[in-house]
Full PDB file with SEQRES, HELIX, SHEET, SSBOND, CRYST1, ORIGX, SCALE, CONECT and MASTER records, all heavy atoms in Angstrom:
SEQRES   1 A   44  PHE VAL ALA ALA ILE THR SER SER GLY ASP ARG THR ASN          
SEQRES   2 A   44  TYR ALA ASP SER VAL LYS GLY ARG PHE SER ILE SER ARG          
SEQRES   3 A   44  ASP ASN ALA LYS ASN THR VAL TYR LEU GLN MET ASN SER          
SEQRES   4 A   44  LEU LYS PRO GLU ASP                                          
HELIX    1 AA1 ASN A   28  LYS A   30  5                                   3    
SHEET    1 AA1 2 ALA A   3  ILE A   5  0                                        
SHEET    2 AA1 2 THR A  12  TYR A  14 -1                                        
SHEET    1 AA2 2 PHE A  22  ASP A  27  0                                        
SHEET    2 AA2 2 THR A  32  MET A  37 -1                                        
CRYST1    1.000    1.000    1.000  90.00  90.00  90.00 P 1           1          
ORIGX1      1.000000  0.000000  0.000000        0.00000                         
ORIGX2      0.000000  1.000000  0.000000        0.00000                         
ORIGX3      0.000000  0.000000  1.000000        0.00000                         
SCALE1      1.000000  0.000000  0.000000        0.00000                         
SCALE2      0.000000  1.000000  0.000000        0.00000                         
SCALE3      0.000000  0.000000  1.000000        0.00000                         
ATOM      1  N   PHE A   1       1.795   9.458  -6.759  1.00  0.00           N  
ATOM      2  CA  PHE A   1       1.361   8.088  -6.550  1.00  0.00           C  
ATOM      3  C   PHE A   1       2.226   7.400  -5.506  1.00  0.00           C  
ATOM      4  O   PHE A   1       3.444   7.576  -5.478  1.00  0.00           O  
ATOM      5  CB  PHE A   1       1.430   7.329  -7.881  1.00  0.00           C  
ATOM      6  CG  PHE A   1       1.260   5.846  -7.744  1.00  0.00           C  
ATOM      7  CD1 PHE A   1       0.000   5.283  -7.628  1.00  0.00           C  
ATOM      8  CD2 PHE A   1       2.359   5.005  -7.732  1.00  0.00           C  
ATOM      9  CE1 PHE A   1      -0.161   3.910  -7.500  1.00  0.00           C  
ATOM     10  CE2 PHE A   1       2.214   3.635  -7.613  1.00  0.00           C  
ATOM     11  CZ  PHE A   1       0.952   3.093  -7.497  1.00  0.00           C  
ATOM     12  N   VAL A   2       1.595   6.587  -4.662  1.00  0.00           N  
ATOM     13  CA  VAL A   2       2.306   5.848  -3.624  1.00  0.00           C  
ATOM     14  C   VAL A   2       2.193   4.341  -3.831  1.00  0.00           C  
ATOM     15  O   VAL A   2       3.195   3.631  -3.861  1.00  0.00           O  
ATOM     16  CB  VAL A   2       1.801   6.224  -2.223  1.00  0.00           C  
ATOM     17  CG1 VAL A   2       2.467   5.360  -1.156  1.00  0.00           C  
ATOM     18  CG2 VAL A   2       2.054   7.700  -1.946  1.00  0.00           C  
ATOM     19  N   ALA A   3       0.966   3.832  -3.941  1.00  0.00           N  
ATOM     20  CA  ALA A   3       0.751   2.391  -4.026  1.00  0.00           C  
ATOM     21  C   ALA A   3      -0.618   2.108  -4.621  1.00  0.00           C  
ATOM     22  O   ALA A   3      -1.528   2.927  -4.518  1.00  0.00           O  
ATOM     23  CB  ALA A   3       0.868   1.737  -2.648  1.00  0.00           C  
ATOM     24  N   ALA A   4      -0.775   0.929  -5.233  1.00  0.00           N  
ATOM     25  CA  ALA A   4      -2.044   0.514  -5.812  1.00  0.00           C  
ATOM     26  C   ALA A   4      -2.275  -0.968  -5.569  1.00  0.00           C  
ATOM     27  O   ALA A   4      -1.323  -1.734  -5.365  1.00  0.00           O  
ATOM     28  CB  ALA A   4      -2.084   0.815  -7.310  1.00  0.00           C  
ATOM     29  N   ILE A   5      -3.547  -1.367  -5.620  1.00  0.00           N  
ATOM     30  CA  ILE A   5      -3.921  -2.753  -5.405  1.00  0.00           C  
ATOM     31  C   ILE A   5      -5.095  -3.091  -6.310  1.00  0.00           C  
ATOM     32  O   ILE A   5      -5.996  -2.276  -6.515  1.00  0.00           O  
ATOM     33  CB  ILE A   5      -4.255  -3.012  -3.911  1.00  0.00           C  
ATOM     34  CG1 ILE A   5      -4.474  -4.498  -3.642  1.00  0.00           C  
ATOM     35  CG2 ILE A   5      -5.459  -2.176  -3.475  1.00  0.00           C  
ATOM     36  CD1 ILE A   5      -4.505  -4.832  -2.155  1.00  0.00           C  
ATOM     37  N   THR A   6      -5.102  -4.299  -6.870  1.00  0.00           N  
ATOM     38  CA  THR A   6      -6.179  -4.734  -7.741  1.00  0.00           C  
ATOM     39  C   THR A   6      -7.456  -4.949  -6.950  1.00  0.00           C  
ATOM     40  O   THR A   6      -7.463  -4.972  -5.719  1.00  0.00           O  
ATOM     41  CB  THR A   6      -5.800  -6.032  -8.466  1.00  0.00           C  
ATOM     42  OG1 THR A   6      -5.452  -7.036  -7.498  1.00  0.00           O  
ATOM     43  CG2 THR A   6      -4.621  -5.803  -9.403  1.00  0.00           C  
ATOM     44  N   SER A   7      -8.573  -5.119  -7.668  1.00  0.00           N  
ATOM     45  CA  SER A   7      -9.869  -5.244  -7.016  1.00  0.00           C  
ATOM     46  C   SER A   7      -9.943  -6.436  -6.067  1.00  0.00           C  
ATOM     47  O   SER A   7     -10.579  -6.352  -5.010  1.00  0.00           O  
ATOM     48  CB  SER A   7     -10.982  -5.333  -8.060  1.00  0.00           C  
ATOM     49  OG  SER A   7     -10.792  -6.444  -8.917  1.00  0.00           O  
ATOM     50  N   SER A   8      -9.309  -7.527  -6.431  1.00  0.00           N  
ATOM     51  CA  SER A   8      -9.313  -8.718  -5.591  1.00  0.00           C  
ATOM     52  C   SER A   8      -8.179  -8.732  -4.573  1.00  0.00           C  
ATOM     53  O   SER A   8      -8.176  -9.582  -3.680  1.00  0.00           O  
ATOM     54  CB  SER A   8      -9.224  -9.974  -6.453  1.00  0.00           C  
ATOM     55  OG  SER A   8      -7.973 -10.052  -7.105  1.00  0.00           O  
ATOM     56  N   GLY A   9      -7.232  -7.822  -4.703  1.00  0.00           N  
ATOM     57  CA  GLY A   9      -6.100  -7.781  -3.795  1.00  0.00           C  
ATOM     58  C   GLY A   9      -4.976  -8.725  -4.147  1.00  0.00           C  
ATOM     59  O   GLY A   9      -4.066  -8.917  -3.332  1.00  0.00           O  
ATOM     60  N   ASP A  10      -4.994  -9.293  -5.342  1.00  0.00           N  
ATOM     61  CA  ASP A  10      -4.002 -10.292  -5.712  1.00  0.00           C  
ATOM     62  C   ASP A  10      -2.713  -9.702  -6.280  1.00  0.00           C  
ATOM     63  O   ASP A  10      -1.735 -10.435  -6.450  1.00  0.00           O  
ATOM     64  CB  ASP A  10      -4.591 -11.305  -6.697  1.00  0.00           C  
ATOM     65  CG  ASP A  10      -4.966 -10.687  -8.037  1.00  0.00           C  
ATOM     66  OD1 ASP A  10      -5.243  -9.477  -8.082  1.00  0.00           O  
ATOM     67  OD2 ASP A  10      -5.003 -11.429  -9.036  1.00  0.00           O  
ATOM     68  N   ARG A  11      -2.698  -8.409  -6.567  1.00  0.00           N  
ATOM     69  CA  ARG A  11      -1.507  -7.787  -7.115  1.00  0.00           C  
ATOM     70  C   ARG A  11      -1.392  -6.354  -6.612  1.00  0.00           C  
ATOM     71  O   ARG A  11      -2.399  -5.654  -6.485  1.00  0.00           O  
ATOM     72  CB  ARG A  11      -1.529  -7.817  -8.641  1.00  0.00           C  
ATOM     73  CG  ARG A  11      -0.222  -7.432  -9.301  1.00  0.00           C  
ATOM     74  CD  ARG A  11      -0.266  -7.692 -10.799  1.00  0.00           C  
ATOM     75  NE  ARG A  11      -0.405  -9.108 -11.106  1.00  0.00           N  
ATOM     76  CZ  ARG A  11       0.612  -9.953 -11.220  1.00  0.00           C  
ATOM     77  NH1 ARG A  11       1.855  -9.528 -11.050  1.00  0.00           N  
ATOM     78  NH2 ARG A  11       0.387 -11.229 -11.493  1.00  0.00           N  
ATOM     79  N   THR A  12      -0.156  -5.929  -6.342  1.00  0.00           N  
ATOM     80  CA  THR A  12       0.104  -4.589  -5.835  1.00  0.00           C  
ATOM     81  C   THR A  12       1.226  -3.932  -6.613  1.00  0.00           C  
ATOM     82  O   THR A  12       2.012  -4.596  -7.291  1.00  0.00           O  
ATOM     83  CB  THR A  12       0.468  -4.613  -4.342  1.00  0.00           C  
ATOM     84  OG1 THR A  12       1.620  -5.442  -4.148  1.00  0.00           O  
ATOM     85  CG2 THR A  12      -0.679  -5.171  -3.516  1.00  0.00           C  
ATOM     86  N   ASN A  13       1.310  -2.607  -6.500  1.00  0.00           N  
ATOM     87  CA  ASN A  13       2.353  -1.840  -7.146  1.00  0.00           C  
ATOM     88  C   ASN A  13       2.719  -0.662  -6.250  1.00  0.00           C  
ATOM     89  O   ASN A  13       1.849  -0.087  -5.591  1.00  0.00           O  
ATOM     90  CB  ASN A  13       1.898  -1.347  -8.516  1.00  0.00           C  
ATOM     91  CG  ASN A  13       3.029  -0.747  -9.329  1.00  0.00           C  
ATOM     92  OD1 ASN A  13       4.126  -1.288  -9.362  1.00  0.00           O  
ATOM     93  ND2 ASN A  13       2.761   0.368  -9.991  1.00  0.00           N  
ATOM     94  N   TYR A  14       4.021  -0.291  -6.233  1.00  0.00           N  
ATOM     95  CA  TYR A  14       4.510   0.743  -5.335  1.00  0.00           C  
ATOM     96  C   TYR A  14       5.430   1.717  -6.045  1.00  0.00           C  
ATOM     97  O   TYR A  14       6.161   1.341  -6.973  1.00  0.00           O  
ATOM     98  CB  TYR A  14       5.281   0.124  -4.167  1.00  0.00           C  
ATOM     99  CG  TYR A  14       4.459  -0.815  -3.330  1.00  0.00           C  
ATOM    100  CD1 TYR A  14       4.431  -2.176  -3.598  1.00  0.00           C  
ATOM    101  CD2 TYR A  14       3.696  -0.334  -2.270  1.00  0.00           C  
ATOM    102  CE1 TYR A  14       3.671  -3.042  -2.831  1.00  0.00           C  
ATOM    103  CE2 TYR A  14       2.934  -1.193  -1.500  1.00  0.00           C  
ATOM    104  CZ  TYR A  14       2.922  -2.549  -1.783  1.00  0.00           C  
ATOM    105  OH  TYR A  14       2.164  -3.405  -1.021  1.00  0.00           O  
ATOM    106  N   ALA A  15       5.400   2.962  -5.587  1.00  0.00           N  
ATOM    107  CA  ALA A  15       6.403   3.916  -6.016  1.00  0.00           C  
ATOM    108  C   ALA A  15       7.771   3.486  -5.500  1.00  0.00           C  
ATOM    109  O   ALA A  15       7.886   2.888  -4.425  1.00  0.00           O  
ATOM    110  CB  ALA A  15       6.062   5.312  -5.497  1.00  0.00           C  
ATOM    111  N   ASP A  16       8.810   3.784  -6.264  1.00  0.00           N  
ATOM    112  CA  ASP A  16      10.160   3.398  -5.861  1.00  0.00           C  
ATOM    113  C   ASP A  16      10.530   3.953  -4.483  1.00  0.00           C  
ATOM    114  O   ASP A  16      11.255   3.301  -3.720  1.00  0.00           O  
ATOM    115  CB  ASP A  16      11.181   3.872  -6.892  1.00  0.00           C  
ATOM    116  CG  ASP A  16      11.120   3.091  -8.190  1.00  0.00           C  
ATOM    117  OD1 ASP A  16      10.538   1.989  -8.202  1.00  0.00           O  
ATOM    118  OD2 ASP A  16      11.661   3.582  -9.196  1.00  0.00           O  
ATOM    119  N   SER A  17      10.038   5.125  -4.151  1.00  0.00           N  
ATOM    120  CA  SER A  17      10.405   5.780  -2.909  1.00  0.00           C  
ATOM    121  C   SER A  17       9.896   5.062  -1.666  1.00  0.00           C  
ATOM    122  O   SER A  17      10.424   5.275  -0.574  1.00  0.00           O  
ATOM    123  CB  SER A  17       9.909   7.228  -2.904  1.00  0.00           C  
ATOM    124  OG  SER A  17       8.502   7.276  -3.062  1.00  0.00           O  
ATOM    125  N   VAL A  18       8.867   4.214  -1.814  1.00  0.00           N  
ATOM    126  CA  VAL A  18       8.283   3.531  -0.659  1.00  0.00           C  
ATOM    127  C   VAL A  18       8.409   2.016  -0.744  1.00  0.00           C  
ATOM    128  O   VAL A  18       8.062   1.321   0.223  1.00  0.00           O  
ATOM    129  CB  VAL A  18       6.806   3.912  -0.463  1.00  0.00           C  
ATOM    130  CG1 VAL A  18       6.641   5.424  -0.407  1.00  0.00           C  
ATOM    131  CG2 VAL A  18       5.932   3.312  -1.564  1.00  0.00           C  
ATOM    132  N   LYS A  19       8.889   1.508  -1.847  1.00  0.00           N  
ATOM    133  CA  LYS A  19       8.985   0.066  -2.044  1.00  0.00           C  
ATOM    134  C   LYS A  19       9.852  -0.575  -0.958  1.00  0.00           C  
ATOM    135  O   LYS A  19      10.942  -0.097  -0.659  1.00  0.00           O  
ATOM    136  CB  LYS A  19       9.552  -0.234  -3.423  1.00  0.00           C  
ATOM    137  CG  LYS A  19       9.409  -1.685  -3.849  1.00  0.00           C  
ATOM    138  CD  LYS A  19       9.826  -1.866  -5.298  1.00  0.00           C  
ATOM    139  CE  LYS A  19       9.609  -3.293  -5.767  1.00  0.00           C  
ATOM    140  NZ  LYS A  19       9.983  -3.466  -7.189  1.00  0.00           N  
ATOM    141  N   GLY A  20       9.344  -1.649  -0.374  1.00  0.00           N  
ATOM    142  CA  GLY A  20      10.041  -2.325   0.704  1.00  0.00           C  
ATOM    143  C   GLY A  20       9.721  -1.800   2.080  1.00  0.00           C  
ATOM    144  O   GLY A  20      10.073  -2.437   3.083  1.00  0.00           O  
ATOM    145  N   ARG A  21       9.057  -0.650   2.156  1.00  0.00           N  
ATOM    146  CA  ARG A  21       8.701  -0.045   3.443  1.00  0.00           C  
ATOM    147  C   ARG A  21       7.197   0.014   3.659  1.00  0.00           C  
ATOM    148  O   ARG A  21       6.722  -0.141   4.785  1.00  0.00           O  
ATOM    149  CB  ARG A  21       9.274   1.361   3.555  1.00  0.00           C  
ATOM    150  CG  ARG A  21      10.790   1.423   3.447  1.00  0.00           C  
ATOM    151  CD  ARG A  21      11.316   2.821   3.751  1.00  0.00           C  
ATOM    152  NE  ARG A  21      10.831   3.808   2.778  1.00  0.00           N  
ATOM    153  CZ  ARG A  21      10.090   4.867   3.086  1.00  0.00           C  
ATOM    154  NH1 ARG A  21       9.746   5.098   4.354  1.00  0.00           N  
ATOM    155  NH2 ARG A  21       9.704   5.720   2.147  1.00  0.00           N  
ATOM    156  N   PHE A  22       6.431   0.255   2.588  1.00  0.00           N  
ATOM    157  CA  PHE A  22       4.979   0.372   2.679  1.00  0.00           C  
ATOM    158  C   PHE A  22       4.323  -0.873   2.108  1.00  0.00           C  
ATOM    159  O   PHE A  22       4.866  -1.524   1.206  1.00  0.00           O  
ATOM    160  CB  PHE A  22       4.474   1.585   1.904  1.00  0.00           C  
ATOM    161  CG  PHE A  22       4.849   2.920   2.479  1.00  0.00           C  
ATOM    162  CD1 PHE A  22       5.745   3.048   3.523  1.00  0.00           C  
ATOM    163  CD2 PHE A  22       4.283   4.072   1.951  1.00  0.00           C  
ATOM    164  CE1 PHE A  22       6.084   4.281   4.044  1.00  0.00           C  
ATOM    165  CE2 PHE A  22       4.608   5.317   2.459  1.00  0.00           C  
ATOM    166  CZ  PHE A  22       5.516   5.425   3.508  1.00  0.00           C  
ATOM    167  N   SER A  23       3.123  -1.187   2.598  1.00  0.00           N  
ATOM    168  CA  SER A  23       2.349  -2.319   2.101  1.00  0.00           C  
ATOM    169  C   SER A  23       0.878  -1.947   2.017  1.00  0.00           C  
ATOM    170  O   SER A  23       0.285  -1.519   3.008  1.00  0.00           O  
ATOM    171  CB  SER A  23       2.536  -3.532   3.012  1.00  0.00           C  
ATOM    172  OG  SER A  23       1.797  -4.640   2.550  1.00  0.00           O  
ATOM    173  N   ILE A  24       0.285  -2.091   0.823  1.00  0.00           N  
ATOM    174  CA  ILE A  24      -1.122  -1.807   0.623  1.00  0.00           C  
ATOM    175  C   ILE A  24      -1.915  -3.113   0.697  1.00  0.00           C  
ATOM    176  O   ILE A  24      -1.461  -4.160   0.229  1.00  0.00           O  
ATOM    177  CB  ILE A  24      -1.354  -1.085  -0.725  1.00  0.00           C  
ATOM    178  CG1 ILE A  24      -2.807  -0.619  -0.861  1.00  0.00           C  
ATOM    179  CG2 ILE A  24      -0.937  -1.958  -1.899  1.00  0.00           C  
ATOM    180  CD1 ILE A  24      -3.051   0.276  -2.072  1.00  0.00           C  
ATOM    181  N   SER A  25      -3.103  -3.052   1.293  1.00  0.00           N  
ATOM    182  CA  SER A  25      -3.980  -4.208   1.387  1.00  0.00           C  
ATOM    183  C   SER A  25      -5.424  -3.730   1.397  1.00  0.00           C  
ATOM    184  O   SER A  25      -5.690  -2.526   1.466  1.00  0.00           O  
ATOM    185  CB  SER A  25      -3.668  -5.043   2.638  1.00  0.00           C  
ATOM    186  OG  SER A  25      -3.876  -4.280   3.812  1.00  0.00           O  
ATOM    187  N   ARG A  26      -6.365  -4.669   1.320  1.00  0.00           N  
ATOM    188  CA  ARG A  26      -7.774  -4.276   1.328  1.00  0.00           C  
ATOM    189  C   ARG A  26      -8.631  -5.352   1.966  1.00  0.00           C  
ATOM    190  O   ARG A  26      -8.276  -6.536   1.984  1.00  0.00           O  
ATOM    191  CB  ARG A  26      -8.268  -3.971  -0.092  1.00  0.00           C  
ATOM    192  CG  ARG A  26      -8.331  -5.172  -1.015  1.00  0.00           C  
ATOM    193  CD  ARG A  26      -8.553  -4.730  -2.463  1.00  0.00           C  
ATOM    194  NE  ARG A  26      -9.833  -4.063  -2.649  1.00  0.00           N  
ATOM    195  CZ  ARG A  26     -10.111  -3.232  -3.652  1.00  0.00           C  
ATOM    196  NH1 ARG A  26      -9.179  -2.948  -4.558  1.00  0.00           N  
ATOM    197  NH2 ARG A  26     -11.311  -2.680  -3.747  1.00  0.00           N  
ATOM    198  N   ASP A  27      -9.779  -4.922   2.481  1.00  0.00           N  
ATOM    199  CA  ASP A  27     -10.788  -5.802   3.034  1.00  0.00           C  
ATOM    200  C   ASP A  27     -12.093  -5.422   2.356  1.00  0.00           C  
ATOM    201  O   ASP A  27     -12.747  -4.449   2.739  1.00  0.00           O  
ATOM    202  CB  ASP A  27     -10.878  -5.645   4.551  1.00  0.00           C  
ATOM    203  CG  ASP A  27     -11.843  -6.626   5.184  1.00  0.00           C  
ATOM    204  OD1 ASP A  27     -12.703  -7.184   4.474  1.00  0.00           O  
ATOM    205  OD2 ASP A  27     -11.751  -6.840   6.410  1.00  0.00           O  
ATOM    206  N   ASN A  28     -12.463  -6.166   1.329  1.00  0.00           N  
ATOM    207  CA  ASN A  28     -13.642  -5.807   0.543  1.00  0.00           C  
ATOM    208  C   ASN A  28     -14.936  -5.920   1.332  1.00  0.00           C  
ATOM    209  O   ASN A  28     -15.901  -5.209   1.050  1.00  0.00           O  
ATOM    210  CB  ASN A  28     -13.711  -6.665  -0.726  1.00  0.00           C  
ATOM    211  CG  ASN A  28     -12.686  -6.248  -1.755  1.00  0.00           C  
ATOM    212  OD1 ASN A  28     -12.127  -5.156  -1.687  1.00  0.00           O  
ATOM    213  ND2 ASN A  28     -12.431  -7.114  -2.724  1.00  0.00           N  
ATOM    214  N   ALA A  29     -14.982  -6.809   2.312  1.00  0.00           N  
ATOM    215  CA  ALA A  29     -16.169  -6.927   3.153  1.00  0.00           C  
ATOM    216  C   ALA A  29     -16.398  -5.664   3.968  1.00  0.00           C  
ATOM    217  O   ALA A  29     -17.531  -5.367   4.349  1.00  0.00           O  
ATOM    218  CB  ALA A  29     -16.054  -8.141   4.068  1.00  0.00           C  
ATOM    219  N   LYS A  30     -15.334  -4.918   4.246  1.00  0.00           N  
ATOM    220  CA  LYS A  30     -15.422  -3.675   4.999  1.00  0.00           C  
ATOM    221  C   LYS A  30     -15.316  -2.434   4.124  1.00  0.00           C  
ATOM    222  O   LYS A  30     -15.310  -1.321   4.643  1.00  0.00           O  
ATOM    223  CB  LYS A  30     -14.338  -3.630   6.075  1.00  0.00           C  
ATOM    224  CG  LYS A  30     -14.472  -4.694   7.146  1.00  0.00           C  
ATOM    225  CD  LYS A  30     -13.389  -4.541   8.198  1.00  0.00           C  
ATOM    226  CE  LYS A  30     -13.555  -5.558   9.308  1.00  0.00           C  
ATOM    227  NZ  LYS A  30     -12.510  -5.414  10.349  1.00  0.00           N  
ATOM    228  N   ASN A  31     -15.222  -2.611   2.808  1.00  0.00           N  
ATOM    229  CA  ASN A  31     -15.054  -1.493   1.876  1.00  0.00           C  
ATOM    230  C   ASN A  31     -13.885  -0.602   2.281  1.00  0.00           C  
ATOM    231  O   ASN A  31     -13.968   0.629   2.213  1.00  0.00           O  
ATOM    232  CB  ASN A  31     -16.334  -0.664   1.785  1.00  0.00           C  
ATOM    233  CG  ASN A  31     -17.425  -1.351   0.989  1.00  0.00           C  
ATOM    234  OD1 ASN A  31     -17.305  -2.505   0.588  1.00  0.00           O  
ATOM    235  ND2 ASN A  31     -18.515  -0.634   0.757  1.00  0.00           N  
ATOM    236  N   THR A  32     -12.785  -1.217   2.683  1.00  0.00           N  
ATOM    237  CA  THR A  32     -11.657  -0.483   3.237  1.00  0.00           C  
ATOM    238  C   THR A  32     -10.349  -0.913   2.588  1.00  0.00           C  
ATOM    239  O   THR A  32     -10.123  -2.103   2.358  1.00  0.00           O  
ATOM    240  CB  THR A  32     -11.572  -0.686   4.759  1.00  0.00           C  
ATOM    241  OG1 THR A  32     -12.798  -0.249   5.360  1.00  0.00           O  
ATOM    242  CG2 THR A  32     -10.424   0.113   5.347  1.00  0.00           C  
ATOM    243  N   VAL A  33      -9.495   0.064   2.307  1.00  0.00           N  
ATOM    244  CA  VAL A  33      -8.141  -0.194   1.848  1.00  0.00           C  
ATOM    245  C   VAL A  33      -7.179   0.375   2.890  1.00  0.00           C  
ATOM    246  O   VAL A  33      -7.460   1.408   3.506  1.00  0.00           O  
ATOM    247  CB  VAL A  33      -7.889   0.402   0.447  1.00  0.00           C  
ATOM    248  CG1 VAL A  33      -8.072   1.906   0.442  1.00  0.00           C  
ATOM    249  CG2 VAL A  33      -6.518   0.010  -0.072  1.00  0.00           C  
ATOM    250  N   TYR A  34      -6.058  -0.303   3.093  1.00  0.00           N  
ATOM    251  CA  TYR A  34      -5.097   0.068   4.122  1.00  0.00           C  
ATOM    252  C   TYR A  34      -3.736   0.379   3.513  1.00  0.00           C  
ATOM    253  O   TYR A  34      -3.394  -0.088   2.429  1.00  0.00           O  
ATOM    254  CB  TYR A  34      -4.924  -1.070   5.134  1.00  0.00           C  
ATOM    255  CG  TYR A  34      -6.214  -1.537   5.761  1.00  0.00           C  
ATOM    256  CD1 TYR A  34      -6.902  -2.629   5.250  1.00  0.00           C  
ATOM    257  CD2 TYR A  34      -6.738  -0.888   6.871  1.00  0.00           C  
ATOM    258  CE1 TYR A  34      -8.083  -3.062   5.824  1.00  0.00           C  
ATOM    259  CE2 TYR A  34      -7.918  -1.314   7.451  1.00  0.00           C  
ATOM    260  CZ  TYR A  34      -8.588  -2.402   6.927  1.00  0.00           C  
ATOM    261  OH  TYR A  34      -9.759  -2.827   7.502  1.00  0.00           O  
ATOM    262  N   LEU A  35      -2.955   1.157   4.241  1.00  0.00           N  
ATOM    263  CA  LEU A  35      -1.561   1.380   3.896  1.00  0.00           C  
ATOM    264  C   LEU A  35      -0.733   1.244   5.163  1.00  0.00           C  
ATOM    265  O   LEU A  35      -0.780   2.115   6.040  1.00  0.00           O  
ATOM    266  CB  LEU A  35      -1.351   2.759   3.268  1.00  0.00           C  
ATOM    267  CG  LEU A  35       0.059   3.028   2.748  1.00  0.00           C  
ATOM    268  CD1 LEU A  35       0.370   2.139   1.546  1.00  0.00           C  
ATOM    269  CD2 LEU A  35       0.241   4.498   2.385  1.00  0.00           C  
ATOM    270  N   GLN A  36      -0.003   0.149   5.270  1.00  0.00           N  
ATOM    271  CA  GLN A  36       0.925  -0.056   6.373  1.00  0.00           C  
ATOM    272  C   GLN A  36       2.238   0.623   6.021  1.00  0.00           C  
ATOM    273  O   GLN A  36       2.858   0.305   5.006  1.00  0.00           O  
ATOM    274  CB  GLN A  36       1.142  -1.547   6.625  1.00  0.00           C  
ATOM    275  CG  GLN A  36       2.113  -1.852   7.753  1.00  0.00           C  
ATOM    276  CD  GLN A  36       1.602  -1.419   9.106  1.00  0.00           C  
ATOM    277  OE1 GLN A  36       0.460  -1.691   9.459  1.00  0.00           O  
ATOM    278  NE2 GLN A  36       2.437  -0.725   9.867  1.00  0.00           N  
ATOM    279  N   MET A  37       2.666   1.553   6.857  1.00  0.00           N  
ATOM    280  CA  MET A  37       3.845   2.372   6.607  1.00  0.00           C  
ATOM    281  C   MET A  37       4.883   2.071   7.679  1.00  0.00           C  
ATOM    282  O   MET A  37       4.684   2.398   8.845  1.00  0.00           O  
ATOM    283  CB  MET A  37       3.485   3.850   6.620  1.00  0.00           C  
ATOM    284  CG  MET A  37       2.286   4.196   5.737  1.00  0.00           C  
ATOM    285  SD  MET A  37       1.622   5.851   6.075  1.00  0.00           S  
ATOM    286  CE  MET A  37       2.980   6.866   5.515  1.00  0.00           C  
ATOM    287  N   ASN A  38       5.983   1.451   7.282  1.00  0.00           N  
ATOM    288  CA  ASN A  38       7.067   1.114   8.193  1.00  0.00           C  
ATOM    289  C   ASN A  38       8.331   1.874   7.826  1.00  0.00           C  
ATOM    290  O   ASN A  38       8.462   2.386   6.721  1.00  0.00           O  
ATOM    291  CB  ASN A  38       7.345  -0.394   8.166  1.00  0.00           C  
ATOM    292  CG  ASN A  38       6.163  -1.225   8.580  1.00  0.00           C  
ATOM    293  OD1 ASN A  38       5.408  -0.860   9.479  1.00  0.00           O  
ATOM    294  ND2 ASN A  38       5.999  -2.382   7.942  1.00  0.00           N  
ATOM    295  N   SER A  39       9.270   1.919   8.760  1.00  0.00           N  
ATOM    296  CA  SER A  39      10.556   2.589   8.534  1.00  0.00           C  
ATOM    297  C   SER A  39      10.358   3.989   7.969  1.00  0.00           C  
ATOM    298  O   SER A  39      11.012   4.390   7.002  1.00  0.00           O  
ATOM    299  CB  SER A  39      11.429   1.745   7.601  1.00  0.00           C  
ATOM    300  OG  SER A  39      11.653   0.456   8.139  1.00  0.00           O  
ATOM    301  N   LEU A  40       9.482   4.741   8.585  1.00  0.00           N  
ATOM    302  CA  LEU A  40       9.118   6.051   8.068  1.00  0.00           C  
ATOM    303  C   LEU A  40      10.289   7.021   8.105  1.00  0.00           C  
ATOM    304  O   LEU A  40      11.114   6.994   9.018  1.00  0.00           O  
ATOM    305  CB  LEU A  40       7.939   6.614   8.851  1.00  0.00           C  
ATOM    306  CG  LEU A  40       6.588   6.008   8.467  1.00  0.00           C  
ATOM    307  CD1 LEU A  40       5.555   6.269   9.545  1.00  0.00           C  
ATOM    308  CD2 LEU A  40       6.121   6.580   7.126  1.00  0.00           C  
ATOM    309  N   LYS A  41      10.339   7.871   7.095  1.00  0.00           N  
ATOM    310  CA  LYS A  41      11.374   8.883   6.938  1.00  0.00           C  
ATOM    311  C   LYS A  41      10.739  10.267   6.933  1.00  0.00           C  
ATOM    312  O   LYS A  41       9.565  10.408   6.581  1.00  0.00           O  
ATOM    313  CB  LYS A  41      12.130   8.676   5.618  1.00  0.00           C  
ATOM    314  CG  LYS A  41      12.728   7.300   5.432  1.00  0.00           C  
ATOM    315  CD  LYS A  41      13.346   7.173   4.048  1.00  0.00           C  
ATOM    316  CE  LYS A  41      13.958   5.806   3.838  1.00  0.00           C  
ATOM    317  NZ  LYS A  41      14.550   5.677   2.481  1.00  0.00           N  
ATOM    318  N   PRO A  42      11.494  11.311   7.290  1.00  0.00           N  
ATOM    319  CA  PRO A  42      10.942  12.665   7.205  1.00  0.00           C  
ATOM    320  C   PRO A  42      10.407  13.003   5.812  1.00  0.00           C  
ATOM    321  O   PRO A  42       9.445  13.770   5.702  1.00  0.00           O  
ATOM    322  CB  PRO A  42      12.139  13.553   7.569  1.00  0.00           C  
ATOM    323  CG  PRO A  42      12.956  12.700   8.478  1.00  0.00           C  
ATOM    324  CD  PRO A  42      12.825  11.306   7.933  1.00  0.00           C  
ATOM    325  N   GLU A  43      10.993  12.439   4.775  1.00  0.00           N  
ATOM    326  CA  GLU A  43      10.536  12.671   3.410  1.00  0.00           C  
ATOM    327  C   GLU A  43       9.144  12.109   3.144  1.00  0.00           C  
ATOM    328  O   GLU A  43       8.532  12.447   2.131  1.00  0.00           O  
ATOM    329  CB  GLU A  43      11.514  12.056   2.394  1.00  0.00           C  
ATOM    330  CG  GLU A  43      12.958  12.479   2.590  1.00  0.00           C  
ATOM    331  CD  GLU A  43      13.719  11.515   3.486  1.00  0.00           C  
ATOM    332  OE1 GLU A  43      14.308  10.549   2.961  1.00  0.00           O  
ATOM    333  OE2 GLU A  43      13.728  11.740   4.715  1.00  0.00           O  
ATOM    334  N   ASP A  44       8.636  11.252   4.027  1.00  0.00           N  
ATOM    335  CA  ASP A  44       7.286  10.716   3.889  1.00  0.00           C  
ATOM    336  C   ASP A  44       6.222  11.675   4.403  1.00  0.00           C  
ATOM    337  O   ASP A  44       5.027  11.396   4.254  1.00  0.00           O  
ATOM    338  CB  ASP A  44       7.161   9.388   4.628  1.00  0.00           C  
ATOM    339  CG  ASP A  44       8.070   8.310   4.061  1.00  0.00           C  
ATOM    340  OD1 ASP A  44       8.172   8.202   2.822  1.00  0.00           O  
ATOM    341  OD2 ASP A  44       8.666   7.571   4.865  1.00  0.00           O  
TER     342      ASP A  44                                                      
MASTER        0    0    0    1    4    0    0    6  341    1    0    4          
END                                                                             
């Protein structure tokens, strides 16, 4: 598991290994969920 987001996008949850570096979001009008990945490490 990496990250999760509620149906409305009002709450998120992250694995400890990515917390503070990754951000999950969604656009329901586009039926799309995103994962912004910053400060990437080889372990990712």
